[in-house]
Amino acid sequence: MLYAIISQDVEHSLEQRMSVRPAHIERLKALKNEGRLILAGPHPAIDNNEPGAAGFTGSLVVAEFDCLEVAQTWADADPYWASGAYANVVVKPFKKVLP
């Protein structure tokens, strides 16, 4: 089943994000290589794909996991969470309708 992992950053999280970004991206690449990643990306803090120093306000990952518990365990191990960049993370089932 698909799950949405919706993360909200702490304020001014850019430094924490950048310090662990390579590890975060590697985990996403592993999901992609397994054919389980639907989409992933951050929410820019301003209306711009490259927000610069404004940074980000959170992230969204939609991926396939065996169950909610497995998705939650995966989310709990995210380097952004461990670094303190995330204030909270919500994991919930997701039903893709389109496209």
Protein backbone atom coordinates (compact mmCIF):
# COMPACT_ATOMS: atom_id res chain seq x y z
CA MET A 1 0.00 0.00 0.00
CA LEU A 2 1.06 3.60 -0.50
CA TYR A 3 1.77 5.91 2.44
CA ALA A 4 2.24 9.67 2.63
CA ILE A 5 4.99 10.83 4.95
CA ILE A 6 4.31 14.49 5.68
CA SER A 7 7.01 16.29 7.62
CA GLN A 8 7.04 19.76 9.08
CA ASP A 9 10.36 21.50 9.72
CA VAL A 10 11.39 23.47 12.76
CA GLU A 11 11.97 27.13 11.95
CA HIS A 12 15.32 27.92 10.34
CA SER A 13 16.06 24.25 9.62
CA LEU A 14 18.23 24.77 6.55
CA GLU A 15 21.54 24.14 8.35
CA GLN A 16 20.28 20.90 9.93
CA ARG A 17 18.86 19.76 6.58
CA MET A 18 22.05 20.43 4.67
CA SER A 19 24.22 18.64 7.23
CA VAL A 20 22.43 15.31 6.62
CA ARG A 21 20.97 15.77 3.14
CA PRO A 22 23.25 13.20 1.46
CA ALA A 23 22.07 10.47 3.86
CA HIS A 24 18.43 11.55 3.40
CA ILE A 25 18.76 11.40 -0.40
CA GLU A 26 20.43 7.97 -0.27
CA ARG A 27 17.42 6.54 1.57
CA LEU A 28 15.10 7.97 -1.07
CA LYS A 29 17.28 6.57 -3.86
CA ALA A 30 17.05 3.14 -2.24
CA LEU A 31 13.24 3.34 -2.31
CA LYS A 32 13.40 4.45 -5.94
CA ASN A 33 15.74 1.61 -6.90
CA GLU A 34 13.31 -0.83 -5.27
CA GLY A 35 10.47 0.64 -7.37
CA ARG A 36 8.60 1.85 -4.26
CA LEU A 37 9.02 5.64 -4.47
CA ILE A 38 6.16 7.55 -6.08
CA LEU A 39 7.38 11.07 -5.31
CA ALA A 40 9.46 13.00 -2.82
CA GLY A 41 10.44 16.58 -2.24
CA PRO A 42 10.56 19.54 0.09
CA HIS A 43 8.13 22.42 0.58
CA PRO A 44 10.03 25.67 -0.15
CA ALA A 45 9.45 28.40 2.45
CA ILE A 46 8.83 30.91 -0.34
CA ASP A 47 7.14 30.71 -3.73
CA ASN A 48 10.31 29.63 -5.55
CA ASN A 49 11.81 26.26 -6.45
CA GLU A 50 15.18 27.52 -5.20
CA PRO A 51 14.36 29.31 -1.92
CA GLY A 52 17.98 29.97 -0.95
CA ALA A 53 18.39 31.12 2.64
CA ALA A 54 14.61 31.02 3.18
CA GLY A 55 14.92 27.24 3.23
CA PHE A 56 12.04 24.83 3.53
CA THR A 57 9.01 24.25 5.73
CA GLY A 58 8.81 20.48 5.43
CA SER A 59 8.77 17.53 3.06
CA LEU A 60 6.47 15.02 1.41
CA VAL A 61 7.30 11.43 0.53
CA VAL A 62 4.80 9.06 -1.07
CA ALA A 63 6.06 5.50 -1.22
CA GLU A 64 4.97 1.89 -1.00
CA PHE A 65 5.43 0.00 2.25
CA ASP A 66 4.08 -3.31 3.55
CA CYS A 67 2.04 -1.64 6.28
CA LEU A 68 1.67 1.53 8.33
CA GLU A 69 4.06 0.28 11.00
CA VAL A 70 6.82 -0.30 8.44
CA ALA A 71 6.22 3.13 6.89
CA GLN A 72 6.37 4.75 10.34
CA THR A 73 9.59 2.92 11.20
CA TRP A 74 11.13 4.10 7.91
CA ALA A 75 10.05 7.69 8.61
CA ASP A 76 11.38 7.55 12.19
CA ALA A 77 14.83 6.66 10.86
CA ASP A 78 15.05 9.69 8.55
CA PRO A 79 18.27 11.69 9.03
CA TYR A 80 16.27 14.94 8.95
CA TRP A 81 14.35 13.73 12.00
CA ALA A 82 17.53 12.68 13.80
CA SER A 83 19.21 16.02 13.01
CA GLY A 84 16.37 18.02 14.53
CA ALA A 85 15.28 19.54 11.20
CA TYR A 86 11.80 18.06 11.52
CA ALA A 87 9.40 19.28 14.21
CA ASN A 88 6.93 16.50 13.47
CA VAL A 89 6.17 13.74 11.00
CA VAL A 90 2.79 12.28 10.10
CA VAL A 91 2.52 8.96 8.28
CA LYS A 92 -0.81 7.89 6.82
CA PRO A 93 -2.20 5.65 4.12
CA PHE A 94 -2.47 7.23 0.68
CA LYS A 95 -4.70 6.21 -2.20
CA LYS A 96 -3.41 7.34 -5.58
CA VAL A 97 -6.29 8.21 -7.90
CA LEU A 98 -4.62 10.30 -10.64
CA PRO A 99 -2.65 10.18 -12.85
